[in-house]
PDB file of N, CA and C in Angstrom:
ATOM      1  N   MET A   1     -28.314 -17.332  37.304  1.00  0.00           N
ATOM      2  CA  MET A   1     -28.430 -15.890  37.142  1.00  0.00           C
ATOM      3  C   MET A   1     -27.329 -15.203  38.076  1.00  0.00           C
ATOM      4  N   ALA A   2     -26.761 -14.142  37.504  1.00  0.00           N
ATOM      5  CA  ALA A   2     -25.701 -13.469  38.179  1.00  0.00           C
ATOM      6  C   ALA A   2     -26.232 -12.689  39.467  1.00  0.00           C
ATOM      7  N   ASN A   3     -25.585 -12.913  40.564  1.00  0.00           N
ATOM      8  CA  ASN A   3     -26.186 -12.388  41.764  1.00  0.00           C
ATOM      9  C   ASN A   3     -25.486 -10.990  42.205  1.00  0.00           C
ATOM     10  N   SER A   4     -24.233 -10.855  41.940  1.00  0.00           N
ATOM     11  CA  SER A   4     -23.560  -9.648  42.300  1.00  0.00           C
ATOM     12  C   SER A   4     -23.505  -8.727  41.131  1.00  0.00           C
ATOM     13  N   ALA A   5     -23.195  -7.363  41.429  1.00  0.00           N
ATOM     14  CA  ALA A   5     -23.143  -6.390  40.387  1.00  0.00           C
ATOM     15  C   ALA A   5     -21.992  -6.718  39.492  1.00  0.00           C
ATOM     16  N   GLN A   6     -20.912  -7.168  39.995  1.00  0.00           N
ATOM     17  CA  GLN A   6     -19.722  -7.428  39.176  1.00  0.00           C
ATOM     18  C   GLN A   6     -20.079  -8.681  38.174  1.00  0.00           C
ATOM     19  N   ALA A   7     -20.773  -9.646  38.653  1.00  0.00           N
ATOM     20  CA  ALA A   7     -21.237 -10.804  37.853  1.00  0.00           C
ATOM     21  C   ALA A   7     -22.108 -10.273  36.731  1.00  0.00           C
ATOM     22  N   ARG A   8     -23.123  -9.456  37.071  1.00  0.00           N
ATOM     23  CA  ARG A   8     -24.064  -9.019  36.066  1.00  0.00           C
ATOM     24  C   ARG A   8     -23.294  -8.143  34.998  1.00  0.00           C
ATOM     25  N   LYS A   9     -22.280  -7.406  35.424  1.00  0.00           N
ATOM     26  CA  LYS A   9     -21.567  -6.602  34.470  1.00  0.00           C
ATOM     27  C   LYS A   9     -20.714  -7.547  33.555  1.00  0.00           C
ATOM     28  N   ARG A  10     -20.025  -8.571  34.194  1.00  0.00           N
ATOM     29  CA  ARG A  10     -19.326  -9.517  33.308  1.00  0.00           C
ATOM     30  C   ARG A  10     -20.172 -10.232  32.391  1.00  0.00           C
ATOM     31  N   ALA A  11     -21.390 -10.512  32.767  1.00  0.00           N
ATOM     32  CA  ALA A  11     -22.479 -11.217  31.872  1.00  0.00           C
ATOM     33  C   ALA A  11     -22.745 -10.287  30.684  1.00  0.00           C
ATOM     34  N   ARG A  12     -22.941  -9.058  30.913  1.00  0.00           N
ATOM     35  CA  ARG A  12     -23.288  -8.070  29.916  1.00  0.00           C
ATOM     36  C   ARG A  12     -21.995  -7.965  28.971  1.00  0.00           C
ATOM     37  N   GLN A  13     -20.858  -7.874  29.502  1.00  0.00           N
ATOM     38  CA  GLN A  13     -19.737  -7.706  28.712  1.00  0.00           C
ATOM     39  C   GLN A  13     -19.449  -8.994  27.825  1.00  0.00           C
ATOM     40  N   ALA A  14     -19.770 -10.139  28.387  1.00  0.00           N
ATOM     41  CA  ALA A  14     -19.577 -11.376  27.656  1.00  0.00           C
ATOM     42  C   ALA A  14     -20.489 -11.438  26.399  1.00  0.00           C
ATOM     43  N   VAL A  15     -21.693 -10.926  26.605  1.00  0.00           N
ATOM     44  CA  VAL A  15     -22.539 -10.961  25.385  1.00  0.00           C
ATOM     45  C   VAL A  15     -22.052  -9.995  24.336  1.00  0.00           C
ATOM     46  N   LYS A  16     -21.541  -8.826  24.751  1.00  0.00           N
ATOM     47  CA  LYS A  16     -20.931  -7.815  23.722  1.00  0.00           C
ATOM     48  C   LYS A  16     -19.819  -8.496  23.060  1.00  0.00           C
ATOM     49  N   GLN A  17     -18.898  -9.106  23.811  1.00  0.00           N
ATOM     50  CA  GLN A  17     -17.640  -9.654  23.332  1.00  0.00           C
ATOM     51  C   GLN A  17     -17.927 -10.850  22.342  1.00  0.00           C
ATOM     52  N   HIS A  18     -18.911 -11.597  22.755  1.00  0.00           N
ATOM     53  CA  HIS A  18     -19.305 -12.723  21.887  1.00  0.00           C
ATOM     54  C   HIS A  18     -19.783 -12.270  20.534  1.00  0.00           C
ATOM     55  N   ALA A  19     -20.601 -11.194  20.482  1.00  0.00           N
ATOM     56  CA  ALA A  19     -21.158 -10.650  19.271  1.00  0.00           C
ATOM     57  C   ALA A  19     -19.870 -10.134  18.454  1.00  0.00           C
ATOM     58  N   HIS A  20     -18.981  -9.453  19.107  1.00  0.00           N
ATOM     59  CA  HIS A  20     -17.813  -8.916  18.331  1.00  0.00           C
ATOM     60  C   HIS A  20     -16.922 -10.013  17.813  1.00  0.00           C
ATOM     61  N   ASN A  21     -16.686 -11.065  18.613  1.00  0.00           N
ATOM     62  CA  ASN A  21     -15.892 -12.220  18.089  1.00  0.00           C
ATOM     63  C   ASN A  21     -16.598 -12.950  16.958  1.00  0.00           C
ATOM     64  N   THR A  22     -17.857 -13.044  17.030  1.00  0.00           N
ATOM     65  CA  THR A  22     -18.635 -13.673  15.921  1.00  0.00           C
ATOM     66  C   THR A  22     -18.466 -12.996  14.684  1.00  0.00           C
ATOM     67  N   SER A  23     -18.596 -11.621  14.788  1.00  0.00           N
ATOM     68  CA  SER A  23     -18.373 -10.782  13.600  1.00  0.00           C
ATOM     69  C   SER A  23     -17.052 -10.924  12.998  1.00  0.00           C
ATOM     70  N   LEU A  24     -15.947 -10.991  13.764  1.00  0.00           N
ATOM     71  CA  LEU A  24     -14.636 -11.132  13.255  1.00  0.00           C
ATOM     72  C   LEU A  24     -14.444 -12.473  12.663  1.00  0.00           C
ATOM     73  N   ARG A  25     -15.036 -13.543  13.293  1.00  0.00           N
ATOM     74  CA  ARG A  25     -14.977 -14.838  12.731  1.00  0.00           C
ATOM     75  C   ARG A  25     -15.659 -14.923  11.425  1.00  0.00           C
ATOM     76  N   SER A  26     -16.776 -14.245  11.173  1.00  0.00           N
ATOM     77  CA  SER A  26     -17.439 -14.088   9.962  1.00  0.00           C
ATOM     78  C   SER A  26     -16.515 -13.450   8.853  1.00  0.00           C
ATOM     79  N   THR A  27     -15.921 -12.397   9.295  1.00  0.00           N
ATOM     80  CA  THR A  27     -14.916 -11.760   8.371  1.00  0.00           C
ATOM     81  C   THR A  27     -13.774 -12.682   7.884  1.00  0.00           C
ATOM     82  N   LEU A  28     -13.339 -13.446   8.811  1.00  0.00           N
ATOM     83  CA  LEU A  28     -12.274 -14.489   8.431  1.00  0.00           C
ATOM     84  C   LEU A  28     -12.805 -15.419   7.372  1.00  0.00           C
ATOM     85  N   ARG A  29     -13.925 -15.941   7.685  1.00  0.00           N
ATOM     86  CA  ARG A  29     -14.573 -16.937   6.749  1.00  0.00           C
ATOM     87  C   ARG A  29     -14.830 -16.357   5.371  1.00  0.00           C
ATOM     88  N   THR A  30     -15.212 -15.140   5.308  1.00  0.00           N
ATOM     89  CA  THR A  30     -15.494 -14.444   4.098  1.00  0.00           C
ATOM     90  C   THR A  30     -14.140 -14.266   3.303  1.00  0.00           C
ATOM     91  N   ALA A  31     -13.095 -13.834   4.020  1.00  0.00           N
ATOM     92  CA  ALA A  31     -11.821 -13.678   3.421  1.00  0.00           C
ATOM     93  C   ALA A  31     -11.371 -15.010   2.771  1.00  0.00           C
ATOM     94  N   ILE A  32     -11.526 -16.097   3.553  1.00  0.00           N
ATOM     95  CA  ILE A  32     -11.014 -17.405   2.979  1.00  0.00           C
ATOM     96  C   ILE A  32     -11.831 -17.786   1.755  1.00  0.00           C
ATOM     97  N   LYS A  33     -13.224 -17.616   1.807  1.00  0.00           N
ATOM     98  CA  LYS A  33     -14.015 -17.928   0.707  1.00  0.00           C
ATOM     99  C   LYS A  33     -13.704 -17.137  -0.546  1.00  0.00           C
ATOM    100  N   ARG A  34     -13.405 -15.883  -0.373  1.00  0.00           N
ATOM    101  CA  ARG A  34     -12.966 -14.976  -1.405  1.00  0.00           C
ATOM    102  C   ARG A  34     -11.771 -15.637  -2.232  1.00  0.00           C
ATOM    103  N   VAL A  35     -10.718 -16.112  -1.447  1.00  0.00           N
ATOM    104  CA  VAL A  35      -9.672 -16.779  -2.078  1.00  0.00           C
ATOM    105  C   VAL A  35     -10.037 -17.993  -2.753  1.00  0.00           C
ATOM    106  N   GLN A  36     -10.787 -18.791  -2.149  1.00  0.00           N
ATOM    107  CA  GLN A  36     -11.296 -20.009  -2.794  1.00  0.00           C
ATOM    108  C   GLN A  36     -12.000 -19.729  -4.091  1.00  0.00           C
ATOM    109  N   LYS A  37     -12.877 -18.757  -4.090  1.00  0.00           N
ATOM    110  CA  LYS A  37     -13.616 -18.467  -5.258  1.00  0.00           C
ATOM    111  C   LYS A  37     -12.656 -18.092  -6.387  1.00  0.00           C
ATOM    112  N   ALA A  38     -11.704 -17.307  -6.112  1.00  0.00           N
ATOM    113  CA  ALA A  38     -10.691 -16.782  -7.046  1.00  0.00           C
ATOM    114  C   ALA A  38      -9.894 -17.935  -7.607  1.00  0.00           C
ATOM    115  N   ILE A  39      -9.609 -18.979  -6.781  1.00  0.00           N
ATOM    116  CA  ILE A  39      -8.859 -20.148  -7.208  1.00  0.00           C
ATOM    117  C   ILE A  39      -9.709 -20.975  -8.144  1.00  0.00           C
ATOM    118  N   VAL A  40     -10.962 -21.218  -7.832  1.00  0.00           N
ATOM    119  CA  VAL A  40     -11.864 -21.913  -8.695  1.00  0.00           C
ATOM    120  C   VAL A  40     -12.073 -21.291 -10.057  1.00  0.00           C
ATOM    121  N   ALA A  41     -12.019 -19.880 -10.059  1.00  0.00           N
ATOM    122  CA  ALA A  41     -12.139 -19.175 -11.269  1.00  0.00           C
ATOM    123  C   ALA A  41     -10.884 -19.492 -12.129  1.00  0.00           C
ATOM    124  N   GLY A  42      -9.691 -19.767 -11.574  1.00  0.00           N
ATOM    125  CA  GLY A  42      -8.613 -20.261 -12.360  1.00  0.00           C
ATOM    126  C   GLY A  42      -7.591 -19.104 -12.673  1.00  0.00           C
ATOM    127  N   ASP A  43      -7.833 -17.916 -12.259  1.00  0.00           N
ATOM    128  CA  ASP A  43      -6.930 -16.800 -12.673  1.00  0.00           C
ATOM    129  C   ASP A  43      -5.883 -16.695 -11.425  1.00  0.00           C
ATOM    130  N   LYS A  44      -4.727 -16.999 -11.727  1.00  0.00           N
ATOM    131  CA  LYS A  44      -3.687 -17.103 -10.777  1.00  0.00           C
ATOM    132  C   LYS A  44      -3.254 -15.687 -10.183  1.00  0.00           C
ATOM    133  N   THR A  45      -3.165 -14.713 -11.089  1.00  0.00           N
ATOM    134  CA  THR A  45      -2.850 -13.310 -10.572  1.00  0.00           C
ATOM    135  C   THR A  45      -3.903 -12.721  -9.650  1.00  0.00           C
ATOM    136  N   VAL A  46      -5.124 -12.866 -10.031  1.00  0.00           N
ATOM    137  CA  VAL A  46      -6.289 -12.374  -9.167  1.00  0.00           C
ATOM    138  C   VAL A  46      -6.230 -13.146  -7.857  1.00  0.00           C
ATOM    139  N   ALA A  47      -6.000 -14.460  -7.916  1.00  0.00           N
ATOM    140  CA  ALA A  47      -6.057 -15.250  -6.702  1.00  0.00           C
ATOM    141  C   ALA A  47      -4.992 -14.787  -5.789  1.00  0.00           C
ATOM    142  N   GLN A  48      -3.734 -14.498  -6.334  1.00  0.00           N
ATOM    143  CA  GLN A  48      -2.637 -14.109  -5.485  1.00  0.00           C
ATOM    144  C   GLN A  48      -2.928 -12.787  -4.873  1.00  0.00           C
ATOM    145  N   GLY A  49      -3.547 -11.912  -5.602  1.00  0.00           N
ATOM    146  CA  GLY A  49      -3.856 -10.507  -5.028  1.00  0.00           C
ATOM    147  C   GLY A  49      -4.904 -10.683  -3.918  1.00  0.00           C
ATOM    148  N   VAL A  50      -5.995 -11.492  -4.107  1.00  0.00           N
ATOM    149  CA  VAL A  50      -6.989 -11.685  -3.135  1.00  0.00           C
ATOM    150  C   VAL A  50      -6.295 -12.451  -1.894  1.00  0.00           C
ATOM    151  N   PHE A  51      -5.358 -13.295  -2.204  1.00  0.00           N
ATOM    152  CA  PHE A  51      -4.714 -14.072  -1.110  1.00  0.00           C
ATOM    153  C   PHE A  51      -3.971 -13.125  -0.226  1.00  0.00           C
ATOM    154  N   ARG A  52      -3.236 -12.145  -0.825  1.00  0.00           N
ATOM    155  CA  ARG A  52      -2.430 -11.194  -0.022  1.00  0.00           C
ATOM    156  C   ARG A  52      -3.317 -10.392   0.920  1.00  0.00           C
ATOM    157  N   GLU A  53      -4.476  -9.994   0.438  1.00  0.00           N
ATOM    158  CA  GLU A  53      -5.405  -9.194   1.252  1.00  0.00           C
ATOM    159  C   GLU A  53      -5.908 -10.168   2.400  1.00  0.00           C
ATOM    160  N   SER A  54      -6.222 -11.392   2.107  1.00  0.00           N
ATOM    161  CA  SER A  54      -6.768 -12.310   2.997  1.00  0.00           C
ATOM    162  C   SER A  54      -5.782 -12.707   4.127  1.00  0.00           C
ATOM    163  N   VAL A  55      -4.537 -12.808   3.781  1.00  0.00           N
ATOM    164  CA  VAL A  55      -3.446 -13.067   4.709  1.00  0.00           C
ATOM    165  C   VAL A  55      -3.412 -12.025   5.867  1.00  0.00           C
ATOM    166  N   ALA A  56      -3.658 -10.768   5.506  1.00  0.00           N
ATOM    167  CA  ALA A  56      -3.684  -9.715   6.483  1.00  0.00           C
ATOM    168  C   ALA A  56      -4.827  -9.805   7.448  1.00  0.00           C
ATOM    169  N   VAL A  57      -5.940 -10.238   6.878  1.00  0.00           N
ATOM    170  CA  VAL A  57      -7.152 -10.432   7.690  1.00  0.00           C
ATOM    171  C   VAL A  57      -6.937 -11.665   8.643  1.00  0.00           C
ATOM    172  N   ILE A  58      -6.441 -12.805   8.084  1.00  0.00           N
ATOM    173  CA  ILE A  58      -6.271 -13.919   8.903  1.00  0.00           C
ATOM    174  C   ILE A  58      -5.266 -13.673   9.989  1.00  0.00           C
ATOM    175  N   ASP A  59      -4.136 -12.992   9.711  1.00  0.00           N
ATOM    176  CA  ASP A  59      -3.138 -12.680  10.766  1.00  0.00           C
ATOM    177  C   ASP A  59      -3.755 -11.737  11.807  1.00  0.00           C
ATOM    178  N   ARG A  60      -4.555 -10.761  11.388  1.00  0.00           N
ATOM    179  CA  ARG A  60      -5.081  -9.885  12.354  1.00  0.00           C
ATOM    180  C   ARG A  60      -6.075 -10.577  13.315  1.00  0.00           C
ATOM    181  N   ILE A  61      -6.862 -11.422  12.776  1.00  0.00           N
ATOM    182  CA  ILE A  61      -7.752 -12.124  13.685  1.00  0.00           C
ATOM    183  C   ILE A  61      -7.053 -13.172  14.585  1.00  0.00           C
ATOM    184  N   ALA A  62      -5.991 -13.799  14.043  1.00  0.00           N
ATOM    185  CA  ALA A  62      -5.132 -14.662  14.920  1.00  0.00           C
ATOM    186  C   ALA A  62      -4.500 -13.852  16.102  1.00  0.00           C
ATOM    187  N   ASP A  63      -4.059 -12.630  15.704  1.00  0.00           N
ATOM    188  CA  ASP A  63      -3.433 -11.729  16.759  1.00  0.00           C
ATOM    189  C   ASP A  63      -4.448 -11.531  17.870  1.00  0.00           C
ATOM    190  N   LYS A  64      -5.686 -11.390  17.557  1.00  0.00           N
ATOM    191  CA  LYS A  64      -6.692 -11.094  18.509  1.00  0.00           C
ATOM    192  C   LYS A  64      -7.148 -12.316  19.270  1.00  0.00           C
ATOM    193  N   LYS A  65      -6.540 -13.419  18.908  1.00  0.00           N
ATOM    194  CA  LYS A  65      -6.829 -14.771  19.561  1.00  0.00           C
ATOM    195  C   LYS A  65      -8.276 -15.255  19.322  1.00  0.00           C
ATOM    196  N   ILE A  66      -8.846 -14.849  18.219  1.00  0.00           N
ATOM    197  CA  ILE A  66     -10.198 -15.304  17.828  1.00  0.00           C
ATOM    198  C   ILE A  66      -9.969 -16.759  17.375  1.00  0.00           C
ATOM    199  N   ILE A  67      -8.875 -16.996  16.511  1.00  0.00           N
ATOM    200  CA  ILE A  67      -8.514 -18.324  16.216  1.00  0.00           C
ATOM    201  C   ILE A  67      -7.069 -18.537  16.629  1.00  0.00           C
ATOM    202  N   HIS A  68      -6.685 -19.694  16.744  1.00  0.00           N
ATOM    203  CA  HIS A  68      -5.286 -20.008  17.148  1.00  0.00           C
ATOM    204  C   HIS A  68      -4.369 -19.828  16.049  1.00  0.00           C
ATOM    205  N   LYS A  69      -3.124 -19.339  16.356  1.00  0.00           N
ATOM    206  CA  LYS A  69      -2.171 -19.043  15.363  1.00  0.00           C
ATOM    207  C   LYS A  69      -1.752 -20.147  14.482  1.00  0.00           C
ATOM    208  N   ASN A  70      -1.862 -21.361  14.982  1.00  0.00           N
ATOM    209  CA  ASN A  70      -1.587 -22.588  14.108  1.00  0.00           C
ATOM    210  C   ASN A  70      -2.746 -22.753  13.124  1.00  0.00           C
ATOM    211  N   LYS A  71      -3.971 -22.486  13.529  1.00  0.00           N
ATOM    212  CA  LYS A  71      -5.052 -22.680  12.583  1.00  0.00           C
ATOM    213  C   LYS A  71      -4.895 -21.562  11.435  1.00  0.00           C
ATOM    214  N   ALA A  72      -4.488 -20.313  11.862  1.00  0.00           N
ATOM    215  CA  ALA A  72      -4.240 -19.331  10.889  1.00  0.00           C
ATOM    216  C   ALA A  72      -3.262 -19.762   9.861  1.00  0.00           C
ATOM    217  N   ALA A  73      -2.127 -20.299  10.347  1.00  0.00           N
ATOM    218  CA  ALA A  73      -0.991 -20.834   9.535  1.00  0.00           C
ATOM    219  C   ALA A  73      -1.482 -21.903   8.630  1.00  0.00           C
ATOM    220  N   ARG A  74      -2.326 -22.793   9.077  1.00  0.00           N
ATOM    221  CA  ARG A  74      -2.823 -23.911   8.325  1.00  0.00           C
ATOM    222  C   ARG A  74      -3.612 -23.411   7.162  1.00  0.00           C
ATOM    223  N   HIS A  75      -4.562 -22.404   7.411  1.00  0.00           N
ATOM    224  CA  HIS A  75      -5.343 -21.833   6.372  1.00  0.00           C
ATOM    225  C   HIS A  75      -4.501 -21.126   5.295  1.00  0.00           C
ATOM    226  N   LYS A  76      -3.513 -20.422   5.741  1.00  0.00           N
ATOM    227  CA  LYS A  76      -2.624 -19.733   4.779  1.00  0.00           C
ATOM    228  C   LYS A  76      -1.858 -20.705   3.974  1.00  0.00           C
ATOM    229  N   SER A  77      -1.423 -21.750   4.556  1.00  0.00           N
ATOM    230  CA  SER A  77      -0.527 -22.857   3.854  1.00  0.00           C
ATOM    231  C   SER A  77      -1.397 -23.391   2.901  1.00  0.00           C
ATOM    232  N   ARG A  78      -2.595 -23.886   3.168  1.00  0.00           N
ATOM    233  CA  ARG A  78      -3.449 -24.621   2.287  1.00  0.00           C
ATOM    234  C   ARG A  78      -3.885 -23.760   1.089  1.00  0.00           C
ATOM    235  N   LEU A  79      -4.243 -22.589   1.358  1.00  0.00           N
ATOM    236  CA  LEU A  79      -4.628 -21.574   0.324  1.00  0.00           C
ATOM    237  C   LEU A  79      -3.394 -21.350  -0.596  1.00  0.00           C
ATOM    238  N   SER A  80      -2.276 -21.103   0.004  1.00  0.00           N
ATOM    239  CA  SER A  80      -1.104 -20.834  -0.860  1.00  0.00           C
ATOM    240  C   SER A  80      -0.725 -22.046  -1.752  1.00  0.00           C
ATOM    241  N   ALA A  81      -0.851 -23.286  -1.210  1.00  0.00           N
ATOM    242  CA  ALA A  81      -0.565 -24.479  -1.973  1.00  0.00           C
ATOM    243  C   ALA A  81      -1.587 -24.674  -3.165  1.00  0.00           C
ATOM    244  N   ARG A  82      -2.834 -24.292  -2.922  1.00  0.00           N
ATOM    245  CA  ARG A  82      -3.823 -24.406  -3.934  1.00  0.00           C
ATOM    246  C   ARG A  82      -3.545 -23.300  -5.089  1.00  0.00           C
ATOM    247  N   ILE A  83      -3.078 -22.210  -4.663  1.00  0.00           N
ATOM    248  CA  ILE A  83      -2.685 -21.146  -5.674  1.00  0.00           C
ATOM    249  C   ILE A  83      -1.524 -21.567  -6.495  1.00  0.00           C
ATOM    250  N   LYS A  84      -0.458 -22.119  -5.824  1.00  0.00           N
ATOM    251  CA  LYS A  84       0.692 -22.486  -6.536  1.00  0.00           C
ATOM    252  C   LYS A  84       0.400 -23.704  -7.489  1.00  0.00           C
ATOM    253  N   ALA A  85      -0.675 -24.500  -7.103  1.00  0.00           N
ATOM    254  CA  ALA A  85      -1.016 -25.611  -8.023  1.00  0.00           C
ATOM    255  C   ALA A  85      -1.797 -25.149  -9.328  1.00  0.00           C
ATOM    256  N   LEU A  86      -2.245 -23.924  -9.379  1.00  0.00           N
ATOM    257  CA  LEU A  86      -2.858 -23.381 -10.516  1.00  0.00           C
ATOM    258  C   LEU A  86      -1.971 -23.443 -11.761  1.00  0.00           C
ATOM    259  N   ALA A  87      -0.721 -23.113 -11.626  1.00  0.00           N
ATOM    260  CA  ALA A  87       0.173 -23.101 -12.740  1.00  0.00           C
ATOM    261  C   ALA A  87       0.414 -24.504 -13.265  1.00  0.00           C
ATOM    262  N   ALA A  88       0.436 -25.469 -12.492  1.00  0.00           N
ATOM    263  CA  ALA A  88       0.745 -26.822 -12.946  1.00  0.00           C
ATOM    264  C   ALA A  88      -0.438 -27.446 -13.719  1.00  0.00           C
TER     265      ALA A  88
END
Protein backbone atom coordinates (compact mmCIF):
# COMPACT_ATOMS: atom_id res chain seq x y z
CA MET A 1 0.00 0.00 0.00
CA ALA A 2 1.13 3.53 -0.76
CA ASN A 3 2.49 5.27 2.36
CA SER A 4 3.03 8.85 1.25
CA ALA A 5 0.50 11.30 -0.12
CA GLN A 6 2.44 11.43 -3.38
CA ALA A 7 2.37 7.63 -3.73
CA ARG A 8 -1.37 7.54 -3.00
CA LYS A 9 -2.01 10.17 -5.66
CA ARG A 10 0.15 8.33 -8.21
CA ALA A 11 -1.80 5.14 -7.46
CA ARG A 12 -5.09 6.98 -8.10
CA GLN A 13 -3.73 8.44 -11.32
CA ALA A 14 -2.48 5.05 -12.47
CA VAL A 15 -5.97 3.58 -12.12
CA LYS A 16 -7.49 6.41 -14.17
CA GLN A 17 -4.79 6.22 -16.84
CA HIS A 18 -5.14 2.44 -17.08
CA ALA A 19 -8.88 2.79 -17.69
CA HIS A 20 -8.27 5.43 -20.37
CA ASN A 21 -5.57 3.35 -22.10
CA THR A 22 -7.82 0.29 -22.03
CA SER A 23 -10.58 2.28 -23.70
CA LEU A 24 -8.22 3.50 -26.43
CA ARG A 25 -6.93 -0.02 -27.02
CA SER A 26 -10.52 -1.20 -27.40
CA THR A 27 -11.12 1.54 -29.99
CA LEU A 28 -8.06 0.33 -31.89
CA ARG A 29 -9.25 -3.28 -31.93
CA THR A 30 -12.70 -2.21 -33.08
CA ALA A 31 -11.21 -0.20 -35.96
CA ILE A 32 -9.13 -3.19 -37.07
CA LYS A 33 -12.13 -5.52 -36.86
CA ARG A 34 -14.23 -3.15 -38.97
CA VAL A 35 -11.66 -3.34 -41.77
CA GLN A 36 -11.42 -7.12 -41.48
CA LYS A 37 -15.21 -7.40 -41.68
CA ALA A 38 -15.26 -5.21 -44.81
CA ILE A 39 -12.54 -7.39 -46.38
CA VAL A 40 -14.48 -10.58 -45.65
CA ALA A 41 -17.57 -9.00 -47.25
CA GLY A 42 -15.48 -8.69 -50.42
CA ASP A 43 -16.33 -5.11 -51.41
CA LYS A 44 -13.01 -3.43 -52.19
CA THR A 45 -14.26 0.18 -52.30
CA VAL A 46 -16.01 -0.12 -48.93
CA ALA A 47 -12.96 -1.82 -47.46
CA GLN A 48 -10.71 1.00 -48.69
CA GLY A 49 -12.98 3.62 -47.16
CA VAL A 50 -13.09 1.88 -43.80
CA PHE A 51 -9.32 1.32 -44.00
CA ARG A 52 -8.70 5.06 -44.44
CA GLU A 53 -10.74 5.82 -41.32
CA SER A 54 -9.00 3.07 -39.37
CA VAL A 55 -5.52 4.26 -40.34
CA ALA A 56 -6.28 7.57 -38.63
CA VAL A 57 -7.35 5.73 -35.47
CA ILE A 58 -4.30 3.45 -35.53
CA ASP A 59 -1.90 6.39 -36.00
CA ARG A 60 -3.57 8.44 -33.28
CA ILE A 61 -3.27 5.60 -30.77
CA ALA A 62 0.35 4.93 -31.76
CA ASP A 63 1.15 8.65 -31.28
CA LYS A 64 -0.18 8.37 -27.72
CA LYS A 65 2.17 5.40 -27.18
CA ILE A 66 -0.68 3.02 -26.35
CA ILE A 67 0.89 0.69 -28.93
CA HIS A 68 4.35 0.84 -30.48
CA LYS A 69 4.69 2.64 -33.81
CA ASN A 70 6.05 -0.54 -35.43
CA LYS A 71 2.99 -2.49 -34.31
CA ALA A 72 0.79 0.21 -35.84
CA ALA A 73 2.76 0.00 -39.09
CA ARG A 74 2.45 -3.80 -39.08
CA HIS A 75 -1.35 -3.63 -38.67
CA LYS A 76 -1.68 -1.05 -41.46
CA SER A 77 0.58 -3.04 -43.77
CA ARG A 78 -1.24 -6.33 -43.26
CA LEU A 79 -4.68 -4.77 -43.70
CA SER A 80 -3.52 -2.93 -46.82
CA ALA A 81 -2.10 -6.15 -48.31
CA ARG A 82 -5.40 -7.96 -47.67
CA ILE A 83 -7.34 -5.16 -49.39
CA LYS A 84 -5.00 -5.20 -52.39
CA ALA A 85 -5.45 -8.96 -52.66
CA LEU A 86 -9.22 -8.51 -53.10
CA ALA A 87 -8.80 -7.49 -56.74
CA ALA A 88 -6.77 -10.58 -57.62
